[in-house]
Amino acid sequence: MAFREIDDDLWEIVQKYLPPTKPHIGRPRCDPRRLFNGILYVLTTGCSWLDVPAKYGTKSTVHRYHLELCEKGVYQAIFLDLLRSGYAIKKIDLSHCATDTKDIPAKKGDQRAMMAIKR
């Protein structure tokens, strides 16, 4: 899959959820958009953190930023916002969805399960 950097419209949504930059003490933080594009590069291409292109920052900086976003629940917040906005603009339509149930265990004749249902 070819990698494309995040566009301005999507960046407006993502930017709201990123942690604020720290006050200028010591070395200034890298550009959050550059770091986020570095994370997306790794996730899209499937490469390791060692192969992050230098234009996105050092591999350790990009990976550390990814871990920070994971710890703060930023990805979940972004996903939910994009999901809600997809419903709002009618880009998501669940009337054509299917669920694969092969991984859901069935209680075929299990007496304990049958007793629980009868109660």
PDB file of N, CA and C in Angstrom:
ATOM      1  N   MET A   1       0.848  -1.176   0.000  1.00  0.00           N
ATOM      2  CA  MET A   1       0.000   0.000   0.000  1.00  0.00           C
ATOM      3  C   MET A   1       0.896   1.242   0.000  1.00  0.00           C
ATOM      4  N   ALA A   2       0.600   2.156  -0.866  1.00  0.00           N
ATOM      5  CA  ALA A   2       1.380   3.393  -0.953  1.00  0.00           C
ATOM      6  C   ALA A   2       1.032   4.312   0.210  1.00  0.00           C
ATOM      7  N   PHE A   3       2.022   5.015   0.689  1.00  0.00           N
ATOM      8  CA  PHE A   3       1.808   5.917   1.818  1.00  0.00           C
ATOM      9  C   PHE A   3       1.537   7.326   1.321  1.00  0.00           C
ATOM     10  N   ARG A   4       0.509   7.942   1.899  1.00  0.00           N
ATOM     11  CA  ARG A   4       0.208   9.352   1.641  1.00  0.00           C
ATOM     12  C   ARG A   4       0.169  10.057   2.977  1.00  0.00           C
ATOM     13  N   GLU A   5       0.817  11.209   3.057  1.00  0.00           N
ATOM     14  CA  GLU A   5       0.791  11.982   4.297  1.00  0.00           C
ATOM     15  C   GLU A   5      -0.612  12.511   4.553  1.00  0.00           C
ATOM     16  N   ILE A   6      -0.869  12.821   5.800  1.00  0.00           N
ATOM     17  CA  ILE A   6      -2.186  13.291   6.228  1.00  0.00           C
ATOM     18  C   ILE A   6      -2.490  14.640   5.576  1.00  0.00           C
ATOM     19  N   ASP A   7      -3.704  14.793   5.071  1.00  0.00           N
ATOM     20  CA  ASP A   7      -4.072  16.050   4.411  1.00  0.00           C
ATOM     21  C   ASP A   7      -4.575  17.069   5.444  1.00  0.00           C
ATOM     22  N   ASP A   8      -4.784  18.293   5.001  1.00  0.00           N
ATOM     23  CA  ASP A   8      -5.150  19.386   5.903  1.00  0.00           C
ATOM     24  C   ASP A   8      -6.501  19.175   6.580  1.00  0.00           C
ATOM     25  N   ASP A   9      -7.471  18.622   5.862  1.00  0.00           N
ATOM     26  CA  ASP A   9      -8.803  18.408   6.449  1.00  0.00           C
ATOM     27  C   ASP A   9      -8.745  17.397   7.591  1.00  0.00           C
ATOM     28  N   LEU A  10      -8.059  16.302   7.358  1.00  0.00           N
ATOM     29  CA  LEU A  10      -7.936  15.281   8.400  1.00  0.00           C
ATOM     30  C   LEU A  10      -7.071  15.781   9.549  1.00  0.00           C
ATOM     31  N   TRP A  11      -6.064  16.579   9.233  1.00  0.00           N
ATOM     32  CA  TRP A  11      -5.190  17.123  10.280  1.00  0.00           C
ATOM     33  C   TRP A  11      -5.976  18.008  11.241  1.00  0.00           C
ATOM     34  N   GLU A  12      -6.953  18.747  10.738  1.00  0.00           N
ATOM     35  CA  GLU A  12      -7.776  19.592  11.606  1.00  0.00           C
ATOM     36  C   GLU A  12      -8.497  18.753  12.659  1.00  0.00           C
ATOM     37  N   ILE A  13      -8.942  17.560  12.287  1.00  0.00           N
ATOM     38  CA  ILE A  13      -9.617  16.681  13.242  1.00  0.00           C
ATOM     39  C   ILE A  13      -8.619  16.079  14.213  1.00  0.00           C
ATOM     40  N   VAL A  14      -7.522  15.563  13.701  1.00  0.00           N
ATOM     41  CA  VAL A  14      -6.513  14.885  14.528  1.00  0.00           C
ATOM     42  C   VAL A  14      -5.875  15.836  15.527  1.00  0.00           C
ATOM     43  N   GLN A  15      -5.581  17.030  15.096  1.00  0.00           N
ATOM     44  CA  GLN A  15      -4.855  18.017  15.899  1.00  0.00           C
ATOM     45  C   GLN A  15      -5.549  18.308  17.231  1.00  0.00           C
ATOM     46  N   LYS A  16      -6.871  18.245  17.249  1.00  0.00           N
ATOM     47  CA  LYS A  16      -7.620  18.545  18.475  1.00  0.00           C
ATOM     48  C   LYS A  16      -7.290  17.576  19.604  1.00  0.00           C
ATOM     49  N   TYR A  17      -6.902  16.359  19.268  1.00  0.00           N
ATOM     50  CA  TYR A  17      -6.723  15.312  20.268  1.00  0.00           C
ATOM     51  C   TYR A  17      -5.274  15.112  20.699  1.00  0.00           C
ATOM     52  N   LEU A  18      -4.351  15.745  20.016  1.00  0.00           N
ATOM     53  CA  LEU A  18      -2.943  15.568  20.361  1.00  0.00           C
ATOM     54  C   LEU A  18      -2.615  16.312  21.654  1.00  0.00           C
ATOM     55  N   PRO A  19      -1.695  15.754  22.443  1.00  0.00           N
ATOM     56  CA  PRO A  19      -1.329  16.428  23.691  1.00  0.00           C
ATOM     57  C   PRO A  19      -0.687  17.782  23.403  1.00  0.00           C
ATOM     58  N   PRO A  20      -0.908  18.748  24.285  1.00  0.00           N
ATOM     59  CA  PRO A  20      -0.314  20.075  24.060  1.00  0.00           C
ATOM     60  C   PRO A  20       1.202  20.001  24.134  1.00  0.00           C
ATOM     61  N   THR A  21       1.835  20.888  23.390  1.00  0.00           N
ATOM     62  CA  THR A  21       3.297  20.923  23.453  1.00  0.00           C
ATOM     63  C   THR A  21       3.725  21.497  24.789  1.00  0.00           C
ATOM     64  N   LYS A  22       4.827  20.994  25.273  1.00  0.00           N
ATOM     65  CA  LYS A  22       5.333  21.434  26.566  1.00  0.00           C
ATOM     66  C   LYS A  22       5.957  22.817  26.432  1.00  0.00           C
ATOM     67  N   PRO A  23       6.028  23.555  27.543  1.00  0.00           N
ATOM     68  CA  PRO A  23       6.701  24.854  27.480  1.00  0.00           C
ATOM     69  C   PRO A  23       8.163  24.665  27.060  1.00  0.00           C
ATOM     70  N   HIS A  24       8.695  25.680  26.469  1.00  0.00           N
ATOM     71  CA  HIS A  24      10.052  25.590  25.938  1.00  0.00           C
ATOM     72  C   HIS A  24      11.072  25.529  27.074  1.00  0.00           C
ATOM     73  N   ILE A  25      11.421  24.302  27.426  1.00  0.00           N
ATOM     74  CA  ILE A  25      12.495  24.064  28.394  1.00  0.00           C
ATOM     75  C   ILE A  25      13.385  23.019  27.749  1.00  0.00           C
ATOM     76  N   GLY A  26      14.617  23.353  27.514  1.00  0.00           N
ATOM     77  CA  GLY A  26      15.513  22.415  26.853  1.00  0.00           C
ATOM     78  C   GLY A  26      15.250  22.356  25.360  1.00  0.00           C
ATOM     79  N   ARG A  27      15.417  21.176  24.809  1.00  0.00           N
ATOM     80  CA  ARG A  27      15.250  20.987  23.369  1.00  0.00           C
ATOM     81  C   ARG A  27      13.774  21.103  22.985  1.00  0.00           C
ATOM     82  N   PRO A  28      13.445  21.899  21.960  1.00  0.00           N
ATOM     83  CA  PRO A  28      12.034  22.022  21.550  1.00  0.00           C
ATOM     84  C   PRO A  28      11.523  20.724  20.941  1.00  0.00           C
ATOM     85  N   ARG A  29      10.242  20.475  21.130  1.00  0.00           N
ATOM     86  CA  ARG A  29       9.611  19.266  20.595  1.00  0.00           C
ATOM     87  C   ARG A  29       9.495  19.367  19.081  1.00  0.00           C
ATOM     88  N   CYS A  30       9.580  18.232  18.427  1.00  0.00           N
ATOM     89  CA  CYS A  30       9.417  18.188  16.967  1.00  0.00           C
ATOM     90  C   CYS A  30       7.986  18.558  16.596  1.00  0.00           C
ATOM     91  N   ASP A  31       7.804  18.895  15.337  1.00  0.00           N
ATOM     92  CA  ASP A  31       6.490  19.232  14.811  1.00  0.00           C
ATOM     93  C   ASP A  31       5.559  18.026  14.953  1.00  0.00           C
ATOM     94  N   PRO A  32       4.418  18.179  15.645  1.00  0.00           N
ATOM     95  CA  PRO A  32       3.521  17.041  15.853  1.00  0.00           C
ATOM     96  C   PRO A  32       2.981  16.434  14.555  1.00  0.00           C
ATOM     97  N   ARG A  33       2.785  17.254  13.556  1.00  0.00           N
ATOM     98  CA  ARG A  33       2.277  16.721  12.283  1.00  0.00           C
ATOM     99  C   ARG A  33       3.320  15.823  11.630  1.00  0.00           C
ATOM    100  N   ARG A  34       4.566  16.233  11.703  1.00  0.00           N
ATOM    101  CA  ARG A  34       5.652  15.410  11.159  1.00  0.00           C
ATOM    102  C   ARG A  34       5.741  14.078  11.891  1.00  0.00           C
ATOM    103  N   LEU A  35       5.656  14.129  13.223  1.00  0.00           N
ATOM    104  CA  LEU A  35       5.710  12.908  14.018  1.00  0.00           C
ATOM    105  C   LEU A  35       4.523  11.995  13.712  1.00  0.00           C
ATOM    106  N   PHE A  36       3.342  12.588  13.600  1.00  0.00           N
ATOM    107  CA  PHE A  36       2.143  11.800  13.314  1.00  0.00           C
ATOM    108  C   PHE A  36       2.254  11.146  11.939  1.00  0.00           C
ATOM    109  N   ASN A  37       2.788  11.873  10.964  1.00  0.00           N
ATOM    110  CA  ASN A  37       3.011  11.288   9.643  1.00  0.00           C
ATOM    111  C   ASN A  37       4.024  10.146   9.712  1.00  0.00           C
ATOM    112  N   GLY A  38       5.023  10.271  10.584  1.00  0.00           N
ATOM    113  CA  GLY A  38       5.986   9.188  10.778  1.00  0.00           C
ATOM    114  C   GLY A  38       5.326   7.949  11.336  1.00  0.00           C
ATOM    115  N   ILE A  39       4.421   8.133  12.289  1.00  0.00           N
ATOM    116  CA  ILE A  39       3.670   7.006  12.852  1.00  0.00           C
ATOM    117  C   ILE A  39       2.809   6.359  11.768  1.00  0.00           C
ATOM    118  N   LEU A  40       2.105   7.187  11.008  1.00  0.00           N
ATOM    119  CA  LEU A  40       1.265   6.662   9.933  1.00  0.00           C
ATOM    120  C   LEU A  40       2.094   5.930   8.878  1.00  0.00           C
ATOM    121  N   TYR A  41       3.322   6.401   8.641  1.00  0.00           N
ATOM    122  CA  TYR A  41       4.201   5.739   7.686  1.00  0.00           C
ATOM    123  C   TYR A  41       4.484   4.307   8.126  1.00  0.00           C
ATOM    124  N   VAL A  42       4.833   4.140   9.401  1.00  0.00           N
ATOM    125  CA  VAL A  42       5.131   2.806   9.918  1.00  0.00           C
ATOM    126  C   VAL A  42       3.891   1.920   9.881  1.00  0.00           C
ATOM    127  N   LEU A  43       2.745   2.464  10.297  1.00  0.00           N
ATOM    128  CA  LEU A  43       1.522   1.670  10.350  1.00  0.00           C
ATOM    129  C   LEU A  43       1.004   1.312   8.959  1.00  0.00           C
ATOM    130  N   THR A  44       1.211   2.188   7.991  1.00  0.00           N
ATOM    131  CA  THR A  44       0.718   1.950   6.637  1.00  0.00           C
ATOM    132  C   THR A  44       1.628   1.002   5.857  1.00  0.00           C
ATOM    133  N   THR A  45       2.925   1.222   5.953  1.00  0.00           N
ATOM    134  CA  THR A  45       3.862   0.416   5.157  1.00  0.00           C
ATOM    135  C   THR A  45       4.212  -0.899   5.828  1.00  0.00           C
ATOM    136  N   GLY A  46       4.046  -0.977   7.136  1.00  0.00           N
ATOM    137  CA  GLY A  46       4.399  -2.206   7.853  1.00  0.00           C
ATOM    138  C   GLY A  46       5.870  -2.328   8.143  1.00  0.00           C
ATOM    139  N   CYS A  47       6.626  -1.265   7.937  1.00  0.00           N
ATOM    140  CA  CYS A  47       8.058  -1.313   8.222  1.00  0.00           C
ATOM    141  C   CYS A  47       8.293  -1.243   9.731  1.00  0.00           C
ATOM    142  N   SER A  48       9.515  -1.466  10.139  1.00  0.00           N
ATOM    143  CA  SER A  48       9.839  -1.360  11.567  1.00  0.00           C
ATOM    144  C   SER A  48      10.135   0.104  11.903  1.00  0.00           C
ATOM    145  N   TRP A  49      10.182   0.383  13.186  1.00  0.00           N
ATOM    146  CA  TRP A  49      10.481   1.744  13.620  1.00  0.00           C
ATOM    147  C   TRP A  49      11.879   2.165  13.175  1.00  0.00           C
ATOM    148  N   LEU A  50      12.754   1.208  12.968  1.00  0.00           N
ATOM    149  CA  LEU A  50      14.118   1.517  12.516  1.00  0.00           C
ATOM    150  C   LEU A  50      14.134   2.120  11.115  1.00  0.00           C
ATOM    151  N   ASP A  51      13.088   1.832  10.327  1.00  0.00           N
ATOM    152  CA  ASP A  51      13.052   2.282   8.934  1.00  0.00           C
ATOM    153  C   ASP A  51      12.260   3.563   8.702  1.00  0.00           C
ATOM    154  N   VAL A  52      11.937   4.284   9.764  1.00  0.00           N
ATOM    155  CA  VAL A  52      11.212   5.550   9.609  1.00  0.00           C
ATOM    156  C   VAL A  52      12.112   6.541   8.865  1.00  0.00           C
ATOM    157  N   PRO A  53      11.621   7.143   7.785  1.00  0.00           N
ATOM    158  CA  PRO A  53      12.441   8.130   7.070  1.00  0.00           C
ATOM    159  C   PRO A  53      12.824   9.302   7.977  1.00  0.00           C
ATOM    160  N   ALA A  54      14.008   9.803   7.792  1.00  0.00           N
ATOM    161  CA  ALA A  54      14.556  10.866   8.651  1.00  0.00           C
ATOM    162  C   ALA A  54      13.717  12.142   8.594  1.00  0.00           C
ATOM    163  N   LYS A  55      12.970  12.358   7.515  1.00  0.00           N
ATOM    164  CA  LYS A  55      12.185  13.593   7.421  1.00  0.00           C
ATOM    165  C   LYS A  55      11.062  13.655   8.455  1.00  0.00           C
ATOM    166  N   TYR A  56      10.715  12.512   9.074  1.00  0.00           N
ATOM    167  CA  TYR A  56       9.677  12.487  10.106  1.00  0.00           C
ATOM    168  C   TYR A  56      10.253  12.587  11.519  1.00  0.00           C
ATOM    169  N   GLY A  57      11.537  12.577  11.634  1.00  0.00           N
ATOM    170  CA  GLY A  57      12.188  12.628  12.941  1.00  0.00           C
ATOM    171  C   GLY A  57      12.963  11.341  13.173  1.00  0.00           C
ATOM    172  N   THR A  58      13.650  11.270  14.300  1.00  0.00           N
ATOM    173  CA  THR A  58      14.410  10.064  14.587  1.00  0.00           C
ATOM    174  C   THR A  58      13.455   8.933  14.937  1.00  0.00           C
ATOM    175  N   LYS A  59      13.917   7.713  14.738  1.00  0.00           N
ATOM    176  CA  LYS A  59      13.061   6.541  14.993  1.00  0.00           C
ATOM    177  C   LYS A  59      12.607   6.500  16.444  1.00  0.00           C
ATOM    178  N   SER A  60      13.486   6.881  17.360  1.00  0.00           N
ATOM    179  CA  SER A  60      13.114   6.836  18.778  1.00  0.00           C
ATOM    180  C   SER A  60      12.106   7.925  19.128  1.00  0.00           C
ATOM    181  N   THR A  61      12.218   9.085  18.520  1.00  0.00           N
ATOM    182  CA  THR A  61      11.278  10.170  18.784  1.00  0.00           C
ATOM    183  C   THR A  61       9.889   9.822  18.262  1.00  0.00           C
ATOM    184  N   VAL A  62       9.828   9.289  17.051  1.00  0.00           N
ATOM    185  CA  VAL A  62       8.543   8.916  16.462  1.00  0.00           C
ATOM    186  C   VAL A  62       7.900   7.805  17.286  1.00  0.00           C
ATOM    187  N   HIS A  63       8.693   6.812  17.680  1.00  0.00           N
ATOM    188  CA  HIS A  63       8.157   5.700  18.467  1.00  0.00           C
ATOM    189  C   HIS A  63       7.708   6.167  19.846  1.00  0.00           C
ATOM    190  N   ARG A  64       8.476   7.031  20.470  1.00  0.00           N
ATOM    191  CA  ARG A  64       8.110   7.558  21.791  1.00  0.00           C
ATOM    192  C   ARG A  64       6.804   8.356  21.711  1.00  0.00           C
ATOM    193  N   TYR A  65       6.629   9.117  20.641  1.00  0.00           N
ATOM    194  CA  TYR A  65       5.389   9.879  20.451  1.00  0.00           C
ATOM    195  C   TYR A  65       4.211   8.929  20.254  1.00  0.00           C
ATOM    196  N   HIS A  66       4.427   7.864  19.505  1.00  0.00           N
ATOM    197  CA  HIS A  66       3.394   6.849  19.316  1.00  0.00           C
ATOM    198  C   HIS A  66       2.983   6.245  20.663  1.00  0.00           C
ATOM    199  N   LEU A  67       3.938   5.907  21.500  1.00  0.00           N
ATOM    200  CA  LEU A  67       3.637   5.342  22.818  1.00  0.00           C
ATOM    201  C   LEU A  67       2.872   6.344  23.688  1.00  0.00           C
ATOM    202  N   GLU A  68       3.241   7.616  23.602  1.00  0.00           N
ATOM    203  CA  GLU A  68       2.539   8.654  24.366  1.00  0.00           C
ATOM    204  C   GLU A  68       1.074   8.758  23.916  1.00  0.00           C
ATOM    205  N   LEU A  69       0.852   8.712  22.604  1.00  0.00           N
ATOM    206  CA  LEU A  69      -0.516   8.777  22.088  1.00  0.00           C
ATOM    207  C   LEU A  69      -1.318   7.543  22.512  1.00  0.00           C
ATOM    208  N   CYS A  70      -0.664   6.387  22.547  1.00  0.00           N
ATOM    209  CA  CYS A  70      -1.339   5.158  23.002  1.00  0.00           C
ATOM    210  C   CYS A  70      -1.753   5.280  24.464  1.00  0.00           C
ATOM    211  N   GLU A  71      -0.834   5.727  25.301  1.00  0.00           N
ATOM    212  CA  GLU A  71      -1.097   5.837  26.743  1.00  0.00           C
ATOM    213  C   GLU A  71      -2.226   6.810  27.052  1.00  0.00           C
ATOM    214  N   LYS A  72      -2.326   7.868  26.265  1.00  0.00           N
ATOM    215  CA  LYS A  72      -3.336   8.901  26.527  1.00  0.00           C
ATOM    216  C   LYS A  72      -4.664   8.626  25.833  1.00  0.00           C
ATOM    217  N   GLY A  73      -4.774   7.522  25.105  1.00  0.00           N
ATOM    218  CA  GLY A  73      -6.035   7.176  24.444  1.00  0.00           C
ATOM    219  C   GLY A  73      -6.378   8.067  23.261  1.00  0.00           C
ATOM    220  N   VAL A  74      -5.373   8.663  22.657  1.00  0.00           N
ATOM    221  CA  VAL A  74      -5.601   9.599  21.551  1.00  0.00           C
ATOM    222  C   VAL A  74      -6.170   8.880  20.325  1.00  0.00           C
ATOM    223  N   TYR A  75      -5.659   7.682  20.035  1.00  0.00           N
ATOM    224  CA  TYR A  75      -6.130   6.966  18.849  1.00  0.00           C
ATOM    225  C   TYR A  75      -7.615   6.623  18.953  1.00  0.00           C
ATOM    226  N   GLN A  76      -8.047   6.210  20.128  1.00  0.00           N
ATOM    227  CA  GLN A  76      -9.464   5.883  20.309  1.00  0.00           C
ATOM    228  C   GLN A  76     -10.331   7.119  20.126  1.00  0.00           C
ATOM    229  N   ALA A  77      -9.885   8.254  20.658  1.00  0.00           N
ATOM    230  CA  ALA A  77     -10.649   9.498  20.537  1.00  0.00           C
ATOM    231  C   ALA A  77     -10.753   9.932  19.072  1.00  0.00           C
ATOM    232  N   ILE A  78      -9.647   9.829  18.340  1.00  0.00           N
ATOM    233  CA  ILE A  78      -9.649  10.193  16.922  1.00  0.00           C
ATOM    234  C   ILE A  78     -10.582   9.264  16.153  1.00  0.00           C
ATOM    235  N   PHE A  79     -10.480   7.960  16.421  1.00  0.00           N
ATOM    236  CA  PHE A  79     -11.329   6.989  15.722  1.00  0.00           C
ATOM    237  C   PHE A  79     -12.804   7.272  15.968  1.00  0.00           C
ATOM    238  N   LEU A  80     -13.177   7.520  17.220  1.00  0.00           N
ATOM    239  CA  LEU A  80     -14.585   7.783  17.524  1.00  0.00           C
ATOM    240  C   LEU A  80     -15.081   9.064  16.866  1.00  0.00           C
ATOM    241  N   ASP A  81     -14.228  10.090  16.836  1.00  0.00           N
ATOM    242  CA  ASP A  81     -14.617  11.340  16.172  1.00  0.00           C
ATOM    243  C   ASP A  81     -14.824  11.111  14.679  1.00  0.00           C
ATOM    244  N   LEU A  82     -13.910  10.384  14.031  1.00  0.00           N
ATOM    245  CA  LEU A  82     -14.056  10.110  12.605  1.00  0.00           C
ATOM    246  C   LEU A  82     -15.281   9.239  12.336  1.00  0.00           C
ATOM    247  N   LEU A  83     -15.550   8.303  13.234  1.00  0.00           N
ATOM    248  CA  LEU A  83     -16.726   7.449  13.086  1.00  0.00           C
ATOM    249  C   LEU A  83     -18.008   8.274  13.197  1.00  0.00           C
ATOM    250  N   ARG A  84     -18.076   9.137  14.202  1.00  0.00           N
ATOM    251  CA  ARG A  84     -19.271   9.990  14.371  1.00  0.00           C
ATOM    252  C   ARG A  84     -19.466  10.916  13.172  1.00  0.00           C
ATOM    253  N   SER A  85     -18.372  11.514  12.715  1.00  0.00           N
ATOM    254  CA  SER A  85     -18.512  12.423  11.576  1.00  0.00           C
ATOM    255  C   SER A  85     -18.875  11.656  10.313  1.00  0.00           C
ATOM    256  N   GLY A  86     -18.442  10.403  10.193  1.00  0.00           N
ATOM    257  CA  GLY A  86     -18.831   9.571   9.051  1.00  0.00           C
ATOM    258  C   GLY A  86     -20.319   9.295   9.036  1.00  0.00           C
ATOM    259  N   TYR A  87     -20.890   9.058  10.220  1.00  0.00           N
ATOM    260  CA  TYR A  87     -22.347   8.884  10.308  1.00  0.00           C
ATOM    261  C   TYR A  87     -23.061  10.191   9.979  1.00  0.00           C
ATOM    262  N   ALA A  88     -22.532  11.300  10.487  1.00  0.00           N
ATOM    263  CA  ALA A  88     -23.192  12.590  10.310  1.00  0.00           C
ATOM    264  C   ALA A  88     -23.264  13.003   8.839  1.00  0.00           C
ATOM    265  N   ILE A  89     -22.222  12.722   8.075  1.00  0.00           N
ATOM    266  CA  ILE A  89     -22.233  13.119   6.665  1.00  0.00           C
ATOM    267  C   ILE A  89     -22.669  11.966   5.761  1.00  0.00           C
ATOM    268  N   LYS A  90     -23.205  10.916   6.374  1.00  0.00           N
ATOM    269  CA  LYS A  90     -23.771   9.767   5.659  1.00  0.00           C
ATOM    270  C   LYS A  90     -22.749   9.050   4.778  1.00  0.00           C
ATOM    271  N   LYS A  91     -21.485   9.015   5.253  1.00  0.00           N
ATOM    272  CA  LYS A  91     -20.450   8.252   4.558  1.00  0.00           C
ATOM    273  C   LYS A  91     -20.399   6.822   5.080  1.00  0.00           C
ATOM    274  N   ILE A  92     -21.017   6.585   6.235  1.00  0.00           N
ATOM    275  CA  ILE A  92     -21.066   5.251   6.819  1.00  0.00           C
ATOM    276  C   ILE A  92     -22.513   4.794   6.819  1.00  0.00           C
ATOM    277  N   ASP A  93     -22.739   3.630   6.243  1.00  0.00           N
ATOM    278  CA  ASP A  93     -24.080   3.066   6.167  1.00  0.00           C
ATOM    279  C   ASP A  93     -23.998   1.611   6.599  1.00  0.00           C
ATOM    280  N   LEU A  94     -24.499   1.311   7.778  1.00  0.00           N
ATOM    281  CA  LEU A  94     -24.412  -0.043   8.311  1.00  0.00           C
ATOM    282  C   LEU A  94     -25.503  -0.975   7.782  1.00  0.00           C
ATOM    283  N   SER A  95     -26.338  -0.507   6.880  1.00  0.00           N
ATOM    284  CA  SER A  95     -27.386  -1.381   6.353  1.00  0.00           C
ATOM    285  C   SER A  95     -26.818  -2.467   5.441  1.00  0.00           C
ATOM    286  N   HIS A  96     -25.565  -2.324   5.033  1.00  0.00           N
ATOM    287  CA  HIS A  96     -24.941  -3.308   4.148  1.00  0.00           C
ATOM    288  C   HIS A  96     -23.803  -4.050   4.838  1.00  0.00           C
ATOM    289  N   CYS A  97     -23.861  -4.190   6.145  1.00  0.00           N
ATOM    290  CA  CYS A  97     -22.798  -4.847   6.897  1.00  0.00           C
ATOM    291  C   CYS A  97     -23.170  -6.279   7.236  1.00  0.00           C
ATOM    292  N   ALA A  98     -22.163  -7.093   7.435  1.00  0.00           N
ATOM    293  CA  ALA A  98     -22.366  -8.477   7.856  1.00  0.00           C
ATOM    294  C   ALA A  98     -21.380  -8.777   8.970  1.00  0.00           C
ATOM    295  N   THR A  99     -21.743  -9.709   9.819  1.00  0.00           N
ATOM    296  CA  THR A  99     -20.883 -10.106  10.915  1.00  0.00           C
ATOM    297  C   THR A  99     -20.474 -11.550  10.727  1.00  0.00           C
ATOM    298  N   ASP A 100     -19.191 -11.820  10.840  1.00  0.00           N
ATOM    299  CA  ASP A 100     -18.693 -13.183  10.754  1.00  0.00           C
ATOM    300  C   ASP A 100     -18.706 -13.760  12.166  1.00  0.00           C
ATOM    301  N   THR A 101     -19.480 -14.786  12.375  1.00  0.00           N
ATOM    302  CA  THR A 101     -19.657 -15.330  13.721  1.00  0.00           C
ATOM    303  C   THR A 101     -18.856 -16.595  13.971  1.00  0.00           C
ATOM    304  N   LYS A 102     -17.903 -16.921  13.141  1.00  0.00           N
ATOM    305  CA  LYS A 102     -17.178 -18.172  13.308  1.00  0.00           C
ATOM    306  C   LYS A 102     -16.348 -18.203  14.596  1.00  0.00           C
ATOM    307  N   ASP A 103     -15.972 -17.054  15.125  1.00  0.00           N
ATOM    308  CA  ASP A 103     -15.167 -17.009  16.343  1.00  0.00           C
ATOM    309  C   ASP A 103     -15.995 -16.847  17.610  1.00  0.00           C
ATOM    310  N   ILE A 104     -17.310 -16.848  17.488  1.00  0.00           N
ATOM    311  CA  ILE A 104     -18.179 -16.732  18.658  1.00  0.00           C
ATOM    312  C   ILE A 104     -18.536 -18.143  19.111  1.00  0.00           C
ATOM    313  N   PRO A 105     -18.180 -18.489  20.349  1.00  0.00           N
ATOM    314  CA  PRO A 105     -18.458 -19.865  20.789  1.00  0.00           C
ATOM    315  C   PRO A 105     -19.961 -20.125  20.912  1.00  0.00           C
ATOM    316  N   ALA A 106     -20.365 -21.304  20.487  1.00  0.00           N
ATOM    317  CA  ALA A 106     -21.760 -21.719  20.606  1.00  0.00           C
ATOM    318  C   ALA A 106     -21.894 -22.663  21.793  1.00  0.00           C
ATOM    319  N   LYS A 107     -23.002 -22.626  22.473  1.00  0.00           N
ATOM    320  CA  LYS A 107     -23.244 -23.450  23.657  1.00  0.00           C
ATOM    321  C   LYS A 107     -24.051 -24.688  23.280  1.00  0.00           C
ATOM    322  N   LYS A 108     -23.586 -25.465  22.349  1.00  0.00           N
ATOM    323  CA  LYS A 108     -24.332 -26.608  21.833  1.00  0.00           C
ATOM    324  C   LYS A 108     -24.622 -27.632  22.932  1.00  0.00           C
ATOM    325  N   GLY A 109     -25.797 -27.576  23.492  1.00  0.00           N
ATOM    326  CA  GLY A 109     -26.229 -28.572  24.457  1.00  0.00           C
ATOM    327  C   GLY A 109     -25.565 -28.504  25.806  1.00  0.00           C
ATOM    328  N   ASP A 110     -24.839 -27.455  26.093  1.00  0.00           N
ATOM    329  CA  ASP A 110     -24.196 -27.329  27.396  1.00  0.00           C
ATOM    330  C   ASP A 110     -25.284 -27.167  28.453  1.00  0.00           C
ATOM    331  N   GLN A 111     -25.353 -28.102  29.401  1.00  0.00           N
ATOM    332  CA  GLN A 111     -26.415 -28.101  30.402  1.00  0.00           C
ATOM    333  C   GLN A 111     -26.381 -26.848  31.282  1.00  0.00           C
ATOM    334  N   ARG A 112     -25.186 -26.377  31.615  1.00  0.00           N
ATOM    335  CA  ARG A 112     -25.089 -25.162  32.444  1.00  0.00           C
ATOM    336  C   ARG A 112     -25.643 -23.955  31.700  1.00  0.00           C
ATOM    337  N   ALA A 113     -25.351 -23.878  30.417  1.00  0.00           N
ATOM    338  CA  ALA A 113     -25.864 -22.764  29.619  1.00  0.00           C
ATOM    339  C   ALA A 113     -27.376 -22.850  29.497  1.00  0.00           C
ATOM    340  N   MET A 114     -27.896 -24.062  29.330  1.00  0.00           N
ATOM    341  CA  MET A 114     -29.353 -24.237  29.215  1.00  0.00           C
ATOM    342  C   MET A 114     -30.044 -23.871  30.527  1.00  0.00           C
ATOM    343  N   MET A 115     -29.440 -24.224  31.653  1.00  0.00           N
ATOM    344  CA  MET A 115     -30.011 -23.887  32.962  1.00  0.00           C
ATOM    345  C   MET A 115     -30.022 -22.374  33.171  1.00  0.00           C
ATOM    346  N   ALA A 116     -28.959 -21.712  32.714  1.00  0.00           N
ATOM    347  CA  ALA A 116     -28.878 -20.262  32.867  1.00  0.00           C
ATOM    348  C   ALA A 116     -29.962 -19.577  32.044  1.00  0.00           C
ATOM    349  N   ILE A 117     -30.261 -20.147  30.887  1.00  0.00           N
ATOM    350  CA  ILE A 117     -31.276 -19.555  30.013  1.00  0.00           C
ATOM    351  C   ILE A 117     -32.671 -19.726  30.640  1.00  0.00           C
ATOM    352  N   LYS A 118     -32.918 -20.892  31.251  1.00  0.00           N
ATOM    353  CA  LYS A 118     -34.235 -21.183  31.834  1.00  0.00           C
ATOM    354  C   LYS A 118     -34.522 -20.311  33.058  1.00  0.00           C
ATOM    355  N   ARG A 119     -33.509 -19.889  33.753  1.00  0.00           N
ATOM    356  CA  ARG A 119     -33.710 -19.084  34.977  1.00  0.00           C
ATOM    357  C   ARG A 119     -34.128 -17.739  34.584  1.00  0.00           C
TER     358      ARG A 119
END
